[in-house]
Amino acid sequence: MSLNKITTCLWFDAQAEEAANHYISIFKNSKITHVQRYTEGGRDIHGKEPGSVLVVEFELNEHPFVALNGGPQFKFNESISFQVDCANQDEVDYYWEKLGEGGDEAKCQCGWLADKFGVSWQVVPTALKEMLNDSDKARADRVMAEMMKMKKLDIAALRKAYEG
């Protein structure tokens, strides 16, 4: 039995395999672990071609995911997002570029982006969390005000605001 009790399931129209391959190409220590295909059984309900991909099980940095080709009934929105903690600006830049490629530019704000599949991500430097949690409210307020103006987070600009 898996030690993980929670697996994230992402519902796609028909892009589950493409999305899983995209995500594992971005995150280290990631892999596809299983692909399950639709069968003839239940075709009158699911309407999918037998042999087409039903689910792709994959891991991103050892976190389990399932990508489901469930049809067009449901769409992603910003009420659920995945947060990527970044140690430095190089990591912020890398994840912002890779995850944001082909995504909706209008949904980029304060470190949030929507990828080409509509999945929302927060690309967040760990330094931001530290600055926002400072007991000096004036410092934290300056950082918050600066962050609200940004799309991709810029650690140097945040630190400048922090220092006053």
C-alpha atoms as a PDB file:
ATOM      1  CA  MET A   1       0.000   0.000   0.000  1.00  0.00           C
ATOM      2  CA  SER A   2       1.237   3.479  -0.877  1.00  0.00           C
ATOM      3  CA  LEU A   3       2.406   5.707   1.930  1.00  0.00           C
ATOM      4  CA  ASN A   4       0.708   8.615   0.169  1.00  0.00           C
ATOM      5  CA  LYS A   5      -2.912   8.904   1.201  1.00  0.00           C
ATOM      6  CA  ILE A   6      -3.826  11.651  -1.257  1.00  0.00           C
ATOM      7  CA  THR A   7      -3.432  11.534  -5.027  1.00  0.00           C
ATOM      8  CA  THR A   8      -4.238  14.621  -7.072  1.00  0.00           C
ATOM      9  CA  CYS A   9      -6.581  13.888  -9.985  1.00  0.00           C
ATOM     10  CA  LEU A  10      -6.671  16.332 -12.895  1.00  0.00           C
ATOM     11  CA  TRP A  11      -9.641  16.095 -15.294  1.00  0.00           C
ATOM     12  CA  PHE A  12      -8.808  16.839 -18.921  1.00  0.00           C
ATOM     13  CA  ASP A  13     -10.954  16.674 -22.015  1.00  0.00           C
ATOM     14  CA  ALA A  14      -8.523  14.517 -24.003  1.00  0.00           C
ATOM     15  CA  GLN A  15      -5.047  15.882 -23.144  1.00  0.00           C
ATOM     16  CA  ALA A  16      -4.122  13.704 -20.131  1.00  0.00           C
ATOM     17  CA  GLU A  17      -1.118  12.021 -21.713  1.00  0.00           C
ATOM     18  CA  GLU A  18       0.161  15.237 -23.313  1.00  0.00           C
ATOM     19  CA  ALA A  19      -0.175  17.078 -19.979  1.00  0.00           C
ATOM     20  CA  ALA A  20       1.542  14.327 -17.975  1.00  0.00           C
ATOM     21  CA  ASN A  21       4.453  14.262 -20.424  1.00  0.00           C
ATOM     22  CA  HIS A  22       4.674  18.055 -20.297  1.00  0.00           C
ATOM     23  CA  TYR A  23       4.774  18.157 -16.488  1.00  0.00           C
ATOM     24  CA  ILE A  24       7.321  15.357 -16.088  1.00  0.00           C
ATOM     25  CA  SER A  25       9.598  17.180 -18.561  1.00  0.00           C
ATOM     26  CA  ILE A  26       9.626  20.210 -16.229  1.00  0.00           C
ATOM     27  CA  PHE A  27      10.019  18.711 -12.745  1.00  0.00           C
ATOM     28  CA  LYS A  28      13.019  16.635 -11.662  1.00  0.00           C
ATOM     29  CA  ASN A  29      12.409  13.219 -10.078  1.00  0.00           C
ATOM     30  CA  SER A  30       9.229  12.806 -12.105  1.00  0.00           C
ATOM     31  CA  LYS A  31       7.877   9.955 -14.186  1.00  0.00           C
ATOM     32  CA  ILE A  32       4.825   8.311 -15.694  1.00  0.00           C
ATOM     33  CA  THR A  33       4.014   5.208 -13.675  1.00  0.00           C
ATOM     34  CA  HIS A  34       1.005   3.770 -15.540  1.00  0.00           C
ATOM     35  CA  VAL A  35      -1.289   4.374 -18.500  1.00  0.00           C
ATOM     36  CA  GLN A  36      -4.774   2.871 -18.482  1.00  0.00           C
ATOM     37  CA  ARG A  37      -6.885   2.782 -21.632  1.00  0.00           C
ATOM     38  CA  TYR A  38     -10.590   2.823 -22.312  1.00  0.00           C
ATOM     39  CA  THR A  39     -12.133  -0.529 -23.213  1.00  0.00           C
ATOM     40  CA  GLU A  40     -15.271  -1.420 -25.143  1.00  0.00           C
ATOM     41  CA  GLY A  41     -17.065  -1.908 -21.812  1.00  0.00           C
ATOM     42  CA  GLY A  42     -19.177   1.126 -20.928  1.00  0.00           C
ATOM     43  CA  ARG A  43     -18.611   2.750 -24.309  1.00  0.00           C
ATOM     44  CA  ASP A  44     -22.286   3.671 -24.499  1.00  0.00           C
ATOM     45  CA  ILE A  45     -21.644   5.895 -21.446  1.00  0.00           C
ATOM     46  CA  HIS A  46     -18.045   7.095 -21.835  1.00  0.00           C
ATOM     47  CA  GLY A  47     -18.205   7.431 -25.627  1.00  0.00           C
ATOM     48  CA  LYS A  48     -14.432   7.023 -25.993  1.00  0.00           C
ATOM     49  CA  GLU A  49     -12.639   4.940 -28.573  1.00  0.00           C
ATOM     50  CA  PRO A  50     -11.411   1.623 -27.088  1.00  0.00           C
ATOM     51  CA  GLY A  51      -7.639   1.836 -26.669  1.00  0.00           C
ATOM     52  CA  SER A  52      -7.624   5.605 -26.168  1.00  0.00           C
ATOM     53  CA  VAL A  53      -6.101   6.902 -22.948  1.00  0.00           C
ATOM     54  CA  LEU A  54      -8.383   6.897 -19.894  1.00  0.00           C
ATOM     55  CA  VAL A  55      -5.875   7.831 -17.167  1.00  0.00           C
ATOM     56  CA  VAL A  56      -2.174   8.512 -16.865  1.00  0.00           C
ATOM     57  CA  GLU A  57      -0.656   8.011 -13.429  1.00  0.00           C
ATOM     58  CA  PHE A  58       2.464  10.076 -12.868  1.00  0.00           C
ATOM     59  CA  GLU A  59       4.645  11.563 -10.157  1.00  0.00           C
ATOM     60  CA  LEU A  60       6.072  15.066  -9.852  1.00  0.00           C
ATOM     61  CA  ASN A  61       8.884  15.107  -7.308  1.00  0.00           C
ATOM     62  CA  GLU A  62       7.339  11.900  -5.924  1.00  0.00           C
ATOM     63  CA  HIS A  63       3.857  13.458  -5.452  1.00  0.00           C
ATOM     64  CA  PRO A  64       1.290  11.179  -7.113  1.00  0.00           C
ATOM     65  CA  PHE A  65      -1.074  12.504  -9.772  1.00  0.00           C
ATOM     66  CA  VAL A  66      -3.686  11.002 -12.054  1.00  0.00           C
ATOM     67  CA  ALA A  67      -4.545  12.726 -15.322  1.00  0.00           C
ATOM     68  CA  LEU A  68      -8.008  11.668 -16.515  1.00  0.00           C
ATOM     69  CA  ASN A  69      -9.421  12.055 -20.005  1.00  0.00           C
ATOM     70  CA  GLY A  70     -12.987  12.572 -18.845  1.00  0.00           C
ATOM     71  CA  GLY A  71     -14.376  14.816 -21.566  1.00  0.00           C
ATOM     72  CA  PRO A  72     -15.191  18.511 -21.902  1.00  0.00           C
ATOM     73  CA  GLN A  73     -17.700  18.763 -19.026  1.00  0.00           C
ATOM     74  CA  PHE A  74     -15.290  20.325 -16.515  1.00  0.00           C
ATOM     75  CA  LYS A  75     -12.677  23.072 -16.873  1.00  0.00           C
ATOM     76  CA  PHE A  76      -9.849  24.166 -14.612  1.00  0.00           C
ATOM     77  CA  ASN A  77     -10.051  27.488 -12.776  1.00  0.00           C
ATOM     78  CA  GLU A  78      -7.970  29.491 -10.318  1.00  0.00           C
ATOM     79  CA  SER A  79      -9.778  28.225  -7.230  1.00  0.00           C
ATOM     80  CA  ILE A  80      -7.306  25.325  -7.179  1.00  0.00           C
ATOM     81  CA  SER A  81      -3.611  25.809  -7.878  1.00  0.00           C
ATOM     82  CA  PHE A  82      -0.278  24.112  -7.333  1.00  0.00           C
ATOM     83  CA  GLN A  83       2.408  26.057  -5.505  1.00  0.00           C
ATOM     84  CA  VAL A  84       6.005  25.621  -6.599  1.00  0.00           C
ATOM     85  CA  ASP A  85       8.427  26.767  -3.894  1.00  0.00           C
ATOM     86  CA  CYS A  86      11.588  28.230  -5.422  1.00  0.00           C
ATOM     87  CA  ALA A  87      14.911  28.673  -3.652  1.00  0.00           C
ATOM     88  CA  ASN A  88      16.169  31.474  -5.923  1.00  0.00           C
ATOM     89  CA  GLN A  89      15.382  33.658  -8.947  1.00  0.00           C
ATOM     90  CA  ASP A  90      16.804  31.094 -11.375  1.00  0.00           C
ATOM     91  CA  GLU A  91      14.195  28.583 -10.174  1.00  0.00           C
ATOM     92  CA  VAL A  92      11.428  31.207 -10.369  1.00  0.00           C
ATOM     93  CA  ASP A  93      12.464  32.041 -13.929  1.00  0.00           C
ATOM     94  CA  TYR A  94      12.698  28.365 -14.957  1.00  0.00           C
ATOM     95  CA  TYR A  95       9.298  27.305 -13.615  1.00  0.00           C
ATOM     96  CA  TRP A  96       7.606  30.517 -14.772  1.00  0.00           C
ATOM     97  CA  GLU A  97       8.889  30.002 -18.322  1.00  0.00           C
ATOM     98  CA  LYS A  98       8.242  26.253 -18.527  1.00  0.00           C
ATOM     99  CA  LEU A  99       4.824  26.215 -16.862  1.00  0.00           C
ATOM    100  CA  GLY A 100       3.652  29.442 -18.490  1.00  0.00           C
ATOM    101  CA  GLU A 101       4.602  28.454 -22.042  1.00  0.00           C
ATOM    102  CA  GLY A 102       1.424  28.607 -24.121  1.00  0.00           C
ATOM    103  CA  GLY A 103      -0.656  29.634 -21.105  1.00  0.00           C
ATOM    104  CA  ASP A 104      -3.145  32.459 -20.657  1.00  0.00           C
ATOM    105  CA  GLU A 105      -1.179  35.707 -20.140  1.00  0.00           C
ATOM    106  CA  ALA A 106      -4.280  37.406 -18.720  1.00  0.00           C
ATOM    107  CA  LYS A 107      -4.169  35.031 -15.737  1.00  0.00           C
ATOM    108  CA  CYS A 108      -0.618  35.971 -14.738  1.00  0.00           C
ATOM    109  CA  GLN A 109      -0.599  37.979 -11.513  1.00  0.00           C
ATOM    110  CA  CYS A 110       1.339  37.975  -8.224  1.00  0.00           C
ATOM    111  CA  GLY A 111       3.267  34.821  -9.092  1.00  0.00           C
ATOM    112  CA  TRP A 112       0.190  32.970 -10.398  1.00  0.00           C
ATOM    113  CA  LEU A 113      -0.080  31.641 -13.942  1.00  0.00           C
ATOM    114  CA  ALA A 114      -2.319  29.321 -15.923  1.00  0.00           C
ATOM    115  CA  ASP A 115      -0.530  26.797 -18.123  1.00  0.00           C
ATOM    116  CA  LYS A 116      -1.536  25.745 -21.639  1.00  0.00           C
ATOM    117  CA  PHE A 117      -3.989  23.217 -20.192  1.00  0.00           C
ATOM    118  CA  GLY A 118      -5.651  25.787 -17.917  1.00  0.00           C
ATOM    119  CA  VAL A 119      -4.081  24.434 -14.711  1.00  0.00           C
ATOM    120  CA  SER A 120      -3.138  27.202 -12.253  1.00  0.00           C
ATOM    121  CA  TRP A 121       0.296  27.375 -10.649  1.00  0.00           C
ATOM    122  CA  GLN A 122       1.888  29.673  -8.088  1.00  0.00           C
ATOM    123  CA  VAL A 123       5.619  30.123  -8.642  1.00  0.00           C
ATOM    124  CA  VAL A 124       6.776  31.447  -5.276  1.00  0.00           C
ATOM    125  CA  PRO A 125      10.255  32.191  -3.943  1.00  0.00           C
ATOM    126  CA  THR A 126      10.696  30.976  -0.375  1.00  0.00           C
ATOM    127  CA  ALA A 127      12.222  34.395   0.355  1.00  0.00           C
ATOM    128  CA  LEU A 128       8.797  35.977  -0.229  1.00  0.00           C
ATOM    129  CA  LYS A 129       7.239  33.887   2.518  1.00  0.00           C
ATOM    130  CA  GLU A 130      10.020  34.888   4.886  1.00  0.00           C
ATOM    131  CA  MET A 131       9.623  38.588   4.080  1.00  0.00           C
ATOM    132  CA  LEU A 132       5.829  38.514   4.416  1.00  0.00           C
ATOM    133  CA  ASN A 133       6.139  36.769   7.796  1.00  0.00           C
ATOM    134  CA  ASP A 134       8.498  39.393   9.218  1.00  0.00           C
ATOM    135  CA  SER A 135       7.352  40.764  12.573  1.00  0.00           C
ATOM    136  CA  ASP A 136       8.074  44.278  11.257  1.00  0.00           C
ATOM    137  CA  LYS A 137       4.683  45.091   9.695  1.00  0.00           C
ATOM    138  CA  ALA A 138       6.052  48.026   7.679  1.00  0.00           C
ATOM    139  CA  ARG A 139       8.531  45.728   5.911  1.00  0.00           C
ATOM    140  CA  ALA A 140       5.884  43.095   5.231  1.00  0.00           C
ATOM    141  CA  ASP A 141       3.452  45.756   3.959  1.00  0.00           C
ATOM    142  CA  ARG A 142       6.035  47.138   1.509  1.00  0.00           C
ATOM    143  CA  VAL A 143       6.709  43.645   0.191  1.00  0.00           C
ATOM    144  CA  MET A 144       2.982  42.935  -0.205  1.00  0.00           C
ATOM    145  CA  ALA A 145       2.454  46.203  -2.096  1.00  0.00           C
ATOM    146  CA  GLU A 146       5.373  45.415  -4.428  1.00  0.00           C
ATOM    147  CA  MET A 147       4.227  41.829  -5.011  1.00  0.00           C
ATOM    148  CA  MET A 148       0.728  42.975  -5.991  1.00  0.00           C
ATOM    149  CA  LYS A 149       2.217  44.944  -8.923  1.00  0.00           C
ATOM    150  CA  MET A 150       4.077  41.936 -10.335  1.00  0.00           C
ATOM    151  CA  LYS A 151       3.252  39.126 -12.696  1.00  0.00           C
ATOM    152  CA  LYS A 152       6.360  36.946 -12.307  1.00  0.00           C
ATOM    153  CA  LEU A 153       7.866  37.500  -8.868  1.00  0.00           C
ATOM    154  CA  ASP A 154      11.213  39.296  -8.791  1.00  0.00           C
ATOM    155  CA  ILE A 155      13.178  38.513  -5.633  1.00  0.00           C
ATOM    156  CA  ALA A 156      15.536  41.501  -6.013  1.00  0.00           C
ATOM    157  CA  ALA A 157      12.621  43.955  -6.305  1.00  0.00           C
ATOM    158  CA  LEU A 158      10.846  42.305  -3.377  1.00  0.00           C
ATOM    159  CA  ARG A 159      13.996  42.483  -1.269  1.00  0.00           C
ATOM    160  CA  LYS A 160      14.468  46.164  -2.206  1.00  0.00           C
ATOM    161  CA  ALA A 161      10.930  46.890  -1.003  1.00  0.00           C
ATOM    162  CA  TYR A 162      11.617  44.859   2.135  1.00  0.00           C
ATOM    163  CA  GLU A 163      14.733  46.893   2.934  1.00  0.00           C
ATOM    164  CA  GLY A 164      12.846  50.131   2.362  1.00  0.00           C
END
